[in-house]
């Protein structure tokens, strides 16, 4: 109940959690795209759902449950899948932009 991981996850509050892959030398940002039939940002999705369960709900829980089936973890429809992919791409773009600005790159 009082684990450091639990506390760290709850400390993210209502933040969108984005799974990224490190690159050699720390350059660039890569977001797992998910293979054919795979969900991009699977780890971020699962952590946001777990956080919502631990916190007895948060801003993302209801929305995510509209897009994904609790029993299978699959998108409820092709439209839900495309919507999720667009959200993940937008989040990745925002993080990449912030990272670039932080390094002073144009």
PDB file of N, CA and C in Angstrom:
ATOM      1  N   UNK A   1       0.812  -1.210   0.000  1.00  0.00           N
ATOM      2  CA  UNK A   1       0.000   0.000   0.000  1.00  0.00           C
ATOM      3  C   UNK A   1       0.851   1.268   0.000  1.00  0.00           C
ATOM      4  N   UNK A   2       1.940   1.279   0.723  1.00  0.00           N
ATOM      5  CA  UNK A   2       2.749   2.483   0.806  1.00  0.00           C
ATOM      6  C   UNK A   2       4.046   2.380   0.025  1.00  0.00           C
ATOM      7  N   UNK A   3       4.051   1.658  -1.095  1.00  0.00           N
ATOM      8  CA  UNK A   3       5.287   1.463  -1.849  1.00  0.00           C
ATOM      9  C   UNK A   3       5.724   2.751  -2.554  1.00  0.00           C
ATOM     10  N   UNK A   4       7.022   2.892  -2.779  1.00  0.00           N
ATOM     11  CA  UNK A   4       7.519   4.065  -3.513  1.00  0.00           C
ATOM     12  C   UNK A   4       6.958   4.144  -4.935  1.00  0.00           C
ATOM     13  N   UNK A   5       6.764   2.995  -5.585  1.00  0.00           N
ATOM     14  CA  UNK A   5       6.209   2.998  -6.948  1.00  0.00           C
ATOM     15  C   UNK A   5       4.776   3.508  -6.948  1.00  0.00           C
ATOM     16  N   UNK A   6       3.992   3.067  -5.984  1.00  0.00           N
ATOM     17  CA  UNK A   6       2.596   3.526  -5.863  1.00  0.00           C
ATOM     18  C   UNK A   6       2.574   5.034  -5.647  1.00  0.00           C
ATOM     19  N   UNK A   7       3.406   5.500  -4.730  1.00  0.00           N
ATOM     20  CA  UNK A   7       3.464   6.936  -4.434  1.00  0.00           C
ATOM     21  C   UNK A   7       3.887   7.736  -5.661  1.00  0.00           C
ATOM     22  N   UNK A   8       4.868   7.225  -6.398  1.00  0.00           N
ATOM     23  CA  UNK A   8       5.339   7.928  -7.600  1.00  0.00           C
ATOM     24  C   UNK A   8       4.246   7.980  -8.659  1.00  0.00           C
ATOM     25  N   UNK A   9       3.523   6.877  -8.836  1.00  0.00           N
ATOM     26  CA  UNK A   9       2.442   6.860  -9.822  1.00  0.00           C
ATOM     27  C   UNK A   9       1.338   7.835  -9.427  1.00  0.00           C
ATOM     28  N   UNK A  10       0.944   7.832  -8.174  1.00  0.00           N
ATOM     29  CA  UNK A  10      -0.106   8.753  -7.724  1.00  0.00           C
ATOM     30  C   UNK A  10       0.348  10.208  -7.797  1.00  0.00           C
ATOM     31  N   UNK A  11       1.639  10.445  -7.668  1.00  0.00           N
ATOM     32  CA  UNK A  11       2.169  11.815  -7.756  1.00  0.00           C
ATOM     33  C   UNK A  11       2.035  12.400  -9.161  1.00  0.00           C
ATOM     34  N   UNK A  12       1.810  11.538 -10.169  1.00  0.00           N
ATOM     35  CA  UNK A  12       1.622  12.047 -11.526  1.00  0.00           C
ATOM     36  C   UNK A  12       0.262  12.699 -11.702  1.00  0.00           C
ATOM     37  N   UNK A  13      -0.605  12.547 -10.720  1.00  0.00           N
ATOM     38  CA  UNK A  13      -1.955  13.135 -10.705  1.00  0.00           C
ATOM     39  C   UNK A  13      -2.697  12.822 -11.991  1.00  0.00           C
ATOM     40  N   UNK A  14      -3.107  13.803 -12.752  1.00  0.00           N
ATOM     41  CA  UNK A  14      -3.877  13.572 -13.979  1.00  0.00           C
ATOM     42  C   UNK A  14      -3.028  13.717 -15.245  1.00  0.00           C
ATOM     43  N   UNK A  15      -1.718  13.609 -15.120  1.00  0.00           N
ATOM     44  CA  UNK A  15      -0.833  13.743 -16.280  1.00  0.00           C
ATOM     45  C   UNK A  15      -1.052  12.591 -17.264  1.00  0.00           C
ATOM     46  N   UNK A  16      -0.907  12.897 -18.547  1.00  0.00           N
ATOM     47  CA  UNK A  16      -0.906  11.862 -19.578  1.00  0.00           C
ATOM     48  C   UNK A  16       0.454  11.186 -19.502  1.00  0.00           C
ATOM     49  N   UNK A  17       0.471   9.873 -19.363  1.00  0.00           N
ATOM     50  CA  UNK A  17       1.726   9.135 -19.243  1.00  0.00           C
ATOM     51  C   UNK A  17       2.096   8.566 -20.596  1.00  0.00           C
ATOM     52  N   UNK A  18       3.274   8.937 -21.069  1.00  0.00           N
ATOM     53  CA  UNK A  18       3.726   8.564 -22.399  1.00  0.00           C
ATOM     54  C   UNK A  18       4.950   7.673 -22.301  1.00  0.00           C
ATOM     55  N   UNK A  19       4.844   6.477 -22.835  1.00  0.00           N
ATOM     56  CA  UNK A  19       5.971   5.548 -22.882  1.00  0.00           C
ATOM     57  C   UNK A  19       6.918   5.994 -23.985  1.00  0.00           C
ATOM     58  N   UNK A  20       8.182   6.148 -23.635  1.00  0.00           N
ATOM     59  CA  UNK A  20       9.185   6.510 -24.634  1.00  0.00           C
ATOM     60  C   UNK A  20      10.333   5.525 -24.578  1.00  0.00           C
ATOM     61  N   UNK A  21      11.075   5.460 -25.640  1.00  0.00           N
ATOM     62  CA  UNK A  21      12.252   4.602 -25.720  1.00  0.00           C
ATOM     63  C   UNK A  21      13.471   5.488 -25.809  1.00  0.00           C
ATOM     64  N   UNK A  22      14.444   5.226 -24.975  1.00  0.00           N
ATOM     65  CA  UNK A  22      15.678   6.001 -25.027  1.00  0.00           C
ATOM     66  C   UNK A  22      16.458   5.675 -26.294  1.00  0.00           C
ATOM     67  N   UNK A  23      17.209   6.608 -26.748  1.00  0.00           N
ATOM     68  CA  UNK A  23      18.084   6.400 -27.906  1.00  0.00           C
ATOM     69  C   UNK A  23      19.521   6.473 -27.425  1.00  0.00           C
ATOM     70  N   UNK A  24      20.432   5.796 -28.116  1.00  0.00           N
ATOM     71  CA  UNK A  24      21.846   5.866 -27.723  1.00  0.00           C
ATOM     72  C   UNK A  24      22.305   7.316 -27.621  1.00  0.00           C
ATOM     73  N   UNK A  25      22.999   7.633 -26.543  1.00  0.00           N
ATOM     74  CA  UNK A  25      23.490   8.990 -26.348  1.00  0.00           C
ATOM     75  C   UNK A  25      22.421   9.954 -25.871  1.00  0.00           C
ATOM     76  N   UNK A  26      21.194   9.447 -25.642  1.00  0.00           N
ATOM     77  CA  UNK A  26      20.118  10.298 -25.155  1.00  0.00           C
ATOM     78  C   UNK A  26      19.539  11.227 -26.195  1.00  0.00           C
ATOM     79  N   UNK A  27      19.900  11.038 -27.460  1.00  0.00           N
ATOM     80  CA  UNK A  27      19.417  11.915 -28.516  1.00  0.00           C
ATOM     81  C   UNK A  27      18.052  11.465 -29.025  1.00  0.00           C
ATOM     82  N   UNK A  28      17.186  12.404 -29.236  1.00  0.00           N
ATOM     83  CA  UNK A  28      15.906  12.113 -29.851  1.00  0.00           C
ATOM     84  C   UNK A  28      14.917  11.452 -28.907  1.00  0.00           C
ATOM     85  N   UNK A  29      13.750  11.243 -29.416  1.00  0.00           N
ATOM     86  CA  UNK A  29      12.663  10.655 -28.655  1.00  0.00           C
ATOM     87  C   UNK A  29      11.982   9.645 -29.553  1.00  0.00           C
ATOM     88  N   UNK A  30      11.759   8.473 -29.037  1.00  0.00           N
ATOM     89  CA  UNK A  30      11.036   7.458 -29.800  1.00  0.00           C
ATOM     90  C   UNK A  30       9.881   6.968 -28.967  1.00  0.00           C
ATOM     91  N   UNK A  31       8.734   6.858 -29.572  1.00  0.00           N
ATOM     92  CA  UNK A  31       7.542   6.333 -28.918  1.00  0.00           C
ATOM     93  C   UNK A  31       7.209   5.023 -29.585  1.00  0.00           C
ATOM     94  N   UNK A  32       7.070   3.934 -28.807  1.00  0.00           N
ATOM     95  CA  UNK A  32       6.706   2.669 -29.435  1.00  0.00           C
ATOM     96  C   UNK A  32       5.411   2.825 -30.215  1.00  0.00           C
ATOM     97  N   UNK A  33       5.455   2.500 -31.483  1.00  0.00           N
ATOM     98  CA  UNK A  33       4.286   2.700 -32.337  1.00  0.00           C
ATOM     99  C   UNK A  33       3.300   1.559 -32.235  1.00  0.00           C
ATOM    100  N   UNK A  34       3.741   0.437 -31.713  1.00  0.00           N
ATOM    101  CA  UNK A  34       2.887  -0.739 -31.695  1.00  0.00           C
ATOM    102  C   UNK A  34       2.921  -1.366 -33.075  1.00  0.00           C
ATOM    103  N   UNK A  35       3.067  -2.655 -33.116  1.00  0.00           N
ATOM    104  CA  UNK A  35       3.068  -3.351 -34.398  1.00  0.00           C
ATOM    105  C   UNK A  35       1.654  -3.502 -34.912  1.00  0.00           C
ATOM    106  N   UNK A  36       1.501  -4.311 -35.929  1.00  0.00           N
ATOM    107  CA  UNK A  36       0.169  -4.561 -36.486  1.00  0.00           C
ATOM    108  C   UNK A  36      -0.733  -5.090 -35.386  1.00  0.00           C
ATOM    109  N   UNK A  37      -1.817  -4.409 -35.147  1.00  0.00           N
ATOM    110  CA  UNK A  37      -2.754  -4.825 -34.130  1.00  0.00           C
ATOM    111  C   UNK A  37      -2.342  -4.487 -32.708  1.00  0.00           C
ATOM    112  N   UNK A  38      -1.211  -3.829 -32.552  1.00  0.00           N
ATOM    113  CA  UNK A  38      -0.720  -3.467 -31.224  1.00  0.00           C
ATOM    114  C   UNK A  38      -1.113  -2.035 -30.879  1.00  0.00           C
ATOM    115  N   UNK A  39      -1.277  -1.806 -29.617  1.00  0.00           N
ATOM    116  CA  UNK A  39      -1.632  -0.476 -29.131  1.00  0.00           C
ATOM    117  C   UNK A  39      -0.363   0.327 -28.858  1.00  0.00           C
ATOM    118  N   UNK A  40      -0.224   1.508 -29.458  1.00  0.00           N
ATOM    119  CA  UNK A  40       0.917   2.345 -29.097  1.00  0.00           C
ATOM    120  C   UNK A  40       0.732   2.858 -27.672  1.00  0.00           C
ATOM    121  N   UNK A  41       1.821   3.080 -26.991  1.00  0.00           N
ATOM    122  CA  UNK A  41       1.801   3.600 -25.626  1.00  0.00           C
ATOM    123  C   UNK A  41       1.062   2.665 -24.672  1.00  0.00           C
ATOM    124  N   UNK A  42       1.221   1.377 -24.870  1.00  0.00           N
ATOM    125  CA  UNK A  42       0.548   0.381 -24.020  1.00  0.00           C
ATOM    126  C   UNK A  42       0.900   0.578 -22.551  1.00  0.00           C
ATOM    127  N   UNK A  43       2.182   0.822 -22.259  1.00  0.00           N
ATOM    128  CA  UNK A  43       2.592   0.996 -20.873  1.00  0.00           C
ATOM    129  C   UNK A  43       1.950   2.240 -20.256  1.00  0.00           C
ATOM    130  N   UNK A  44       1.952   3.341 -20.991  1.00  0.00           N
ATOM    131  CA  UNK A  44       1.316   4.559 -20.483  1.00  0.00           C
ATOM    132  C   UNK A  44      -0.159   4.346 -20.213  1.00  0.00           C
ATOM    133  N   UNK A  45      -0.836   3.657 -21.124  1.00  0.00           N
ATOM    134  CA  UNK A  45      -2.260   3.352 -20.965  1.00  0.00           C
ATOM    135  C   UNK A  45      -2.498   2.533 -19.703  1.00  0.00           C
ATOM    136  N   UNK A  46      -1.723   1.480 -19.519  1.00  0.00           N
ATOM    137  CA  UNK A  46      -1.908   0.618 -18.349  1.00  0.00           C
ATOM    138  C   UNK A  46      -1.619   1.364 -17.054  1.00  0.00           C
ATOM    139  N   UNK A  47      -0.581   2.193 -17.061  1.00  0.00           N
ATOM    140  CA  UNK A  47      -0.261   2.945 -15.850  1.00  0.00           C
ATOM    141  C   UNK A  47      -1.338   3.977 -15.518  1.00  0.00           C
ATOM    142  N   UNK A  48      -1.900   4.616 -16.533  1.00  0.00           N
ATOM    143  CA  UNK A  48      -2.978   5.581 -16.259  1.00  0.00           C
ATOM    144  C   UNK A  48      -4.205   4.876 -15.698  1.00  0.00           C
ATOM    145  N   UNK A  49      -4.521   3.684 -16.209  1.00  0.00           N
ATOM    146  CA  UNK A  49      -5.658   2.927 -15.675  1.00  0.00           C
ATOM    147  C   UNK A  49      -5.392   2.473 -14.247  1.00  0.00           C
ATOM    148  N   UNK A  50      -4.176   2.008 -13.982  1.00  0.00           N
ATOM    149  CA  UNK A  50      -3.819   1.600 -12.619  1.00  0.00           C
ATOM    150  C   UNK A  50      -3.886   2.790 -11.668  1.00  0.00           C
ATOM    151  N   UNK A  51      -3.366   3.920 -12.112  1.00  0.00           N
ATOM    152  CA  UNK A  51      -3.411   5.134 -11.280  1.00  0.00           C
ATOM    153  C   UNK A  51      -4.855   5.505 -10.962  1.00  0.00           C
ATOM    154  N   UNK A  52      -5.729   5.417 -11.965  1.00  0.00           N
ATOM    155  CA  UNK A  52      -7.135   5.714 -11.733  1.00  0.00           C
ATOM    156  C   UNK A  52      -7.769   4.770 -10.725  1.00  0.00           C
ATOM    157  N   UNK A  53      -7.382   3.501 -10.794  1.00  0.00           N
ATOM    158  CA  UNK A  53      -7.899   2.520  -9.831  1.00  0.00           C
ATOM    159  C   UNK A  53      -7.398   2.835  -8.416  1.00  0.00           C
ATOM    160  N   UNK A  54      -6.118   3.134  -8.289  1.00  0.00           N
ATOM    161  CA  UNK A  54      -5.540   3.441  -6.984  1.00  0.00           C
ATOM    162  C   UNK A  54      -6.122   4.727  -6.391  1.00  0.00           C
ATOM    163  N   UNK A  55      -6.368   5.698  -7.264  1.00  0.00           N
ATOM    164  CA  UNK A  55      -6.867   7.002  -6.818  1.00  0.00           C
ATOM    165  C   UNK A  55      -8.393   7.050  -6.771  1.00  0.00           C
ATOM    166  N   UNK A  56      -9.032   5.933  -7.062  1.00  0.00           N
ATOM    167  CA  UNK A  56     -10.498   5.861  -7.109  1.00  0.00           C
ATOM    168  C   UNK A  56     -11.059   6.794  -8.175  1.00  0.00           C
ATOM    169  N   UNK A  57     -10.363   6.811  -9.327  1.00  0.00           N
ATOM    170  CA  UNK A  57     -10.800   7.611 -10.466  1.00  0.00           C
ATOM    171  C   UNK A  57      -9.913   8.823 -10.669  1.00  0.00           C
ATOM    172  N   UNK A  58      -9.771   9.198 -11.926  1.00  0.00           N
ATOM    173  CA  UNK A  58      -9.041  10.416 -12.272  1.00  0.00           C
ATOM    174  C   UNK A  58      -9.573  10.910 -13.612  1.00  0.00           C
ATOM    175  N   UNK A  59      -8.960  11.945 -14.141  1.00  0.00           N
ATOM    176  CA  UNK A  59      -9.474  12.562 -15.365  1.00  0.00           C
ATOM    177  C   UNK A  59      -9.425  11.628 -16.562  1.00  0.00           C
ATOM    178  N   UNK A  60      -8.516  10.660 -16.592  1.00  0.00           N
ATOM    179  CA  UNK A  60      -8.360   9.801 -17.754  1.00  0.00           C
ATOM    180  C   UNK A  60      -9.165   8.510 -17.694  1.00  0.00           C
ATOM    181  N   UNK A  61      -9.487   8.012 -16.526  1.00  0.00           N
ATOM    182  CA  UNK A  61     -10.080   6.685 -16.384  1.00  0.00           C
ATOM    183  C   UNK A  61     -11.334   6.488 -17.221  1.00  0.00           C
ATOM    184  N   UNK A  62     -12.301   7.348 -17.076  1.00  0.00           N
ATOM    185  CA  UNK A  62     -13.553   7.209 -17.823  1.00  0.00           C
ATOM    186  C   UNK A  62     -13.330   7.283 -19.321  1.00  0.00           C
ATOM    187  N   UNK A  63     -12.503   8.208 -19.738  1.00  0.00           N
ATOM    188  CA  UNK A  63     -12.211   8.371 -21.164  1.00  0.00           C
ATOM    189  C   UNK A  63     -11.554   7.114 -21.728  1.00  0.00           C
ATOM    190  N   UNK A  64     -10.555   6.584 -21.024  1.00  0.00           N
ATOM    191  CA  UNK A  64      -9.846   5.393 -21.496  1.00  0.00           C
ATOM    192  C   UNK A  64     -10.769   4.181 -21.555  1.00  0.00           C
ATOM    193  N   UNK A  65     -11.680   4.095 -20.608  1.00  0.00           N
ATOM    194  CA  UNK A  65     -12.612   2.966 -20.603  1.00  0.00           C
ATOM    195  C   UNK A  65     -13.640   3.074 -21.730  1.00  0.00           C
ATOM    196  N   UNK A  66     -13.822   4.260 -22.276  1.00  0.00           N
ATOM    197  CA  UNK A  66     -14.669   4.420 -23.467  1.00  0.00           C
ATOM    198  C   UNK A  66     -13.954   3.903 -24.713  1.00  0.00           C
ATOM    199  N   UNK A  67     -12.619   3.967 -24.719  1.00  0.00           N
ATOM    200  CA  UNK A  67     -11.840   3.563 -25.878  1.00  0.00           C
ATOM    201  C   UNK A  67     -11.418   2.098 -25.858  1.00  0.00           C
ATOM    202  N   UNK A  68     -11.225   1.534 -24.656  1.00  0.00           N
ATOM    203  CA  UNK A  68     -10.665   0.190 -24.541  1.00  0.00           C
ATOM    204  C   UNK A  68     -11.556  -0.730 -23.729  1.00  0.00           C
ATOM    205  N   UNK A  69     -11.596  -1.984 -24.145  1.00  0.00           N
ATOM    206  CA  UNK A  69     -12.345  -3.032 -23.450  1.00  0.00           C
ATOM    207  C   UNK A  69     -11.544  -3.477 -22.231  1.00  0.00           C
ATOM    208  N   UNK A  70     -12.157  -3.417 -21.044  1.00  0.00           N
ATOM    209  CA  UNK A  70     -11.476  -3.811 -19.807  1.00  0.00           C
ATOM    210  C   UNK A  70     -10.992  -5.259 -19.841  1.00  0.00           C
ATOM    211  N   UNK A  71     -11.780  -6.131 -20.424  1.00  0.00           N
ATOM    212  CA  UNK A  71     -11.469  -7.561 -20.401  1.00  0.00           C
ATOM    213  C   UNK A  71     -10.330  -7.933 -21.345  1.00  0.00           C
ATOM    214  N   UNK A  72     -10.270  -7.293 -22.509  1.00  0.00           N
ATOM    215  CA  UNK A  72      -9.282  -7.689 -23.518  1.00  0.00           C
ATOM    216  C   UNK A  72      -8.139  -6.696 -23.674  1.00  0.00           C
ATOM    217  N   UNK A  73      -8.362  -5.448 -23.296  1.00  0.00           N
ATOM    218  CA  UNK A  73      -7.348  -4.409 -23.505  1.00  0.00           C
ATOM    219  C   UNK A  73      -7.326  -3.871 -24.915  1.00  0.00           C
ATOM    220  N   UNK A  74      -8.211  -4.386 -25.758  1.00  0.00           N
ATOM    221  CA  UNK A  74      -8.274  -3.945 -27.157  1.00  0.00           C
ATOM    222  C   UNK A  74      -9.184  -2.733 -27.289  1.00  0.00           C
ATOM    223  N   UNK A  75      -8.921  -1.947 -28.321  1.00  0.00           N
ATOM    224  CA  UNK A  75      -9.800  -0.816 -28.618  1.00  0.00           C
ATOM    225  C   UNK A  75     -11.197  -1.352 -28.928  1.00  0.00           C
ATOM    226  N   UNK A  76     -12.209  -0.602 -28.523  1.00  0.00           N
ATOM    227  CA  UNK A  76     -13.584  -1.057 -28.724  1.00  0.00           C
ATOM    228  C   UNK A  76     -14.016  -0.960 -30.178  1.00  0.00           C
ATOM    229  N   UNK A  77     -13.293  -0.176 -30.972  1.00  0.00           N
ATOM    230  CA  UNK A  77     -13.626  -0.026 -32.389  1.00  0.00           C
ATOM    231  C   UNK A  77     -12.405   0.499 -33.132  1.00  0.00           C
ATOM    232  N   UNK A  78     -12.488   0.448 -34.447  1.00  0.00           N
ATOM    233  CA  UNK A  78     -11.404   1.004 -35.272  1.00  0.00           C
ATOM    234  C   UNK A  78     -11.289   2.509 -35.037  1.00  0.00           C
ATOM    235  N   UNK A  79     -12.423   3.161 -34.844  1.00  0.00           N
ATOM    236  CA  UNK A  79     -12.413   4.611 -34.599  1.00  0.00           C
ATOM    237  C   UNK A  79     -11.735   4.926 -33.268  1.00  0.00           C
ATOM    238  N   UNK A  80     -12.013   4.118 -32.240  1.00  0.00           N
ATOM    239  CA  UNK A  80     -11.383   4.320 -30.935  1.00  0.00           C
ATOM    240  C   UNK A  80      -9.877   4.112 -31.045  1.00  0.00           C
ATOM    241  N   UNK A  81      -9.465   3.107 -31.807  1.00  0.00           N
ATOM    242  CA  UNK A  81      -8.053   2.835 -32.012  1.00  0.00           C
ATOM    243  C   UNK A  81      -7.367   4.013 -32.699  1.00  0.00           C
ATOM    244  N   UNK A  82      -7.987   4.548 -33.743  1.00  0.00           N
ATOM    245  CA  UNK A  82      -7.413   5.697 -34.459  1.00  0.00           C
ATOM    246  C   UNK A  82      -7.370   6.936 -33.566  1.00  0.00           C
ATOM    247  N   UNK A  83      -8.386   7.111 -32.747  1.00  0.00           N
ATOM    248  CA  UNK A  83      -8.416   8.265 -31.839  1.00  0.00           C
ATOM    249  C   UNK A  83      -7.255   8.169 -30.841  1.00  0.00           C
ATOM    250  N   UNK A  84      -7.041   6.961 -30.289  1.00  0.00           N
ATOM    251  CA  UNK A  84      -5.947   6.769 -29.338  1.00  0.00           C
ATOM    252  C   UNK A  84      -4.597   7.032 -30.006  1.00  0.00           C
ATOM    253  N   UNK A  85      -4.407   6.508 -31.203  1.00  0.00           N
ATOM    254  CA  UNK A  85      -3.142   6.720 -31.912  1.00  0.00           C
ATOM    255  C   UNK A  85      -2.889   8.203 -32.147  1.00  0.00           C
ATOM    256  N   UNK A  86      -3.931   8.947 -32.477  1.00  0.00           N
ATOM    257  CA  UNK A  86      -3.790  10.390 -32.695  1.00  0.00           C
ATOM    258  C   UNK A  86      -3.411  11.096 -31.396  1.00  0.00           C
ATOM    259  N   UNK A  87      -3.995  10.676 -30.286  1.00  0.00           N
ATOM    260  CA  UNK A  87      -3.675  11.273 -28.984  1.00  0.00           C
ATOM    261  C   UNK A  87      -2.221  11.003 -28.623  1.00  0.00           C
ATOM    262  N   UNK A  88      -1.775   9.765 -28.825  1.00  0.00           N
ATOM    263  CA  UNK A  88      -0.388   9.396 -28.510  1.00  0.00           C
ATOM    264  C   UNK A  88       0.576  10.186 -29.388  1.00  0.00           C
ATOM    265  N   UNK A  89       0.273  10.302 -30.671  1.00  0.00           N
ATOM    266  CA  UNK A  89       1.129  11.064 -31.584  1.00  0.00           C
ATOM    267  C   UNK A  89       1.201  12.530 -31.171  1.00  0.00           C
ATOM    268  N   UNK A  90       0.087  13.107 -30.807  1.00  0.00           N
ATOM    269  CA  UNK A  90       0.064  14.504 -30.370  1.00  0.00           C
ATOM    270  C   UNK A  90       0.904  14.690 -29.106  1.00  0.00           C
ATOM    271  N   UNK A  91       0.783  13.764 -28.165  1.00  0.00           N
ATOM    272  CA  UNK A  91       1.567  13.835 -26.929  1.00  0.00           C
ATOM    273  C   UNK A  91       3.059  13.698 -27.238  1.00  0.00           C
ATOM    274  N   UNK A  92       3.405  12.756 -28.110  1.00  0.00           N
ATOM    275  CA  UNK A  92       4.810  12.560 -28.480  1.00  0.00           C
ATOM    276  C   UNK A  92       5.373  13.799 -29.158  1.00  0.00           C
ATOM    277  N   UNK A  93       4.589  14.421 -30.024  1.00  0.00           N
ATOM    278  CA  UNK A  93       5.030  15.649 -30.689  1.00  0.00           C
ATOM    279  C   UNK A  93       5.260  16.764 -29.681  1.00  0.00           C
ATOM    280  N   UNK A  94       4.367  16.874 -28.690  1.00  0.00           N
ATOM    281  CA  UNK A  94       4.510  17.914 -27.672  1.00  0.00           C
ATOM    282  C   UNK A  94       5.761  17.696 -26.834  1.00  0.00           C
ATOM    283  N   UNK A  95       6.027  16.452 -26.470  1.00  0.00           N
ATOM    284  CA  UNK A  95       7.229  16.148 -25.690  1.00  0.00           C
ATOM    285  C   UNK A  95       8.481  16.414 -26.521  1.00  0.00           C
ATOM    286  N   UNK A  96       8.469  16.005 -27.784  1.00  0.00           N
ATOM    287  CA  UNK A  96       9.626  16.227 -28.652  1.00  0.00           C
ATOM    288  C   UNK A  96       9.896  17.718 -28.831  1.00  0.00           C
ATOM    289  N   UNK A  97       8.846  18.501 -28.978  1.00  0.00           N
ATOM    290  CA  UNK A  97       8.993  19.950 -29.119  1.00  0.00           C
ATOM    291  C   UNK A  97       9.615  20.551 -27.863  1.00  0.00           C
ATOM    292  N   UNK A  98       9.123  20.136 -26.702  1.00  0.00           N
ATOM    293  CA  UNK A  98       9.674  20.647 -25.441  1.00  0.00           C
ATOM    294  C   UNK A  98      11.133  20.236 -25.281  1.00  0.00           C
ATOM    295  N   UNK A  99      11.459  19.000 -25.648  1.00  0.00           N
ATOM    296  CA  UNK A  99      12.832  18.516 -25.535  1.00  0.00           C
ATOM    297  C   UNK A  99      13.761  19.303 -26.452  1.00  0.00           C
ATOM    298  N   UNK A 100      13.299  19.571 -27.649  1.00  0.00           N
ATOM    299  CA  UNK A 100      14.100  20.335 -28.612  1.00  0.00           C
ATOM    300  C   UNK A 100      14.319  21.759 -28.122  1.00  0.00           C
ATOM    301  N   UNK A 101      13.272  22.382 -27.609  1.00  0.00           N
ATOM    302  CA  UNK A 101      13.400  23.750 -27.100  1.00  0.00           C
ATOM    303  C   UNK A 101      14.314  23.809 -25.894  1.00  0.00           C
ATOM    304  N   UNK A 102      14.279  22.752 -25.076  1.00  0.00           N
ATOM    305  CA  UNK A 102      15.126  22.692 -23.891  1.00  0.00           C
ATOM    306  C   UNK A 102      16.601  22.600 -24.228  1.00  0.00           C
ATOM    307  N   UNK A 103      16.923  22.022 -25.393  1.00  0.00           N
ATOM    308  CA  UNK A 103      18.320  21.915 -25.824  1.00  0.00           C
ATOM    309  C   UNK A 103      18.762  23.134 -26.606  1.00  0.00           C
ATOM    310  N   UNK A 104      17.823  24.023 -26.932  1.00  0.00           N
ATOM    311  CA  UNK A 104      18.169  25.210 -27.701  1.00  0.00           C
ATOM    312  C   UNK A 104      18.190  24.971 -29.187  1.00  0.00           C
ATOM    313  N   UNK A 105      17.685  23.803 -29.630  1.00  0.00           N
ATOM    314  CA  UNK A 105      17.605  23.527 -31.058  1.00  0.00           C
ATOM    315  C   UNK A 105      16.494  24.354 -31.677  1.00  0.00           C
ATOM    316  N   UNK A 106      16.609  24.690 -32.952  1.00  0.00           N
ATOM    317  CA  UNK A 106      15.545  25.473 -33.601  1.00  0.00           C
ATOM    318  C   UNK A 106      14.288  24.658 -33.777  1.00  0.00           C
TER     319      UNK A 106
END
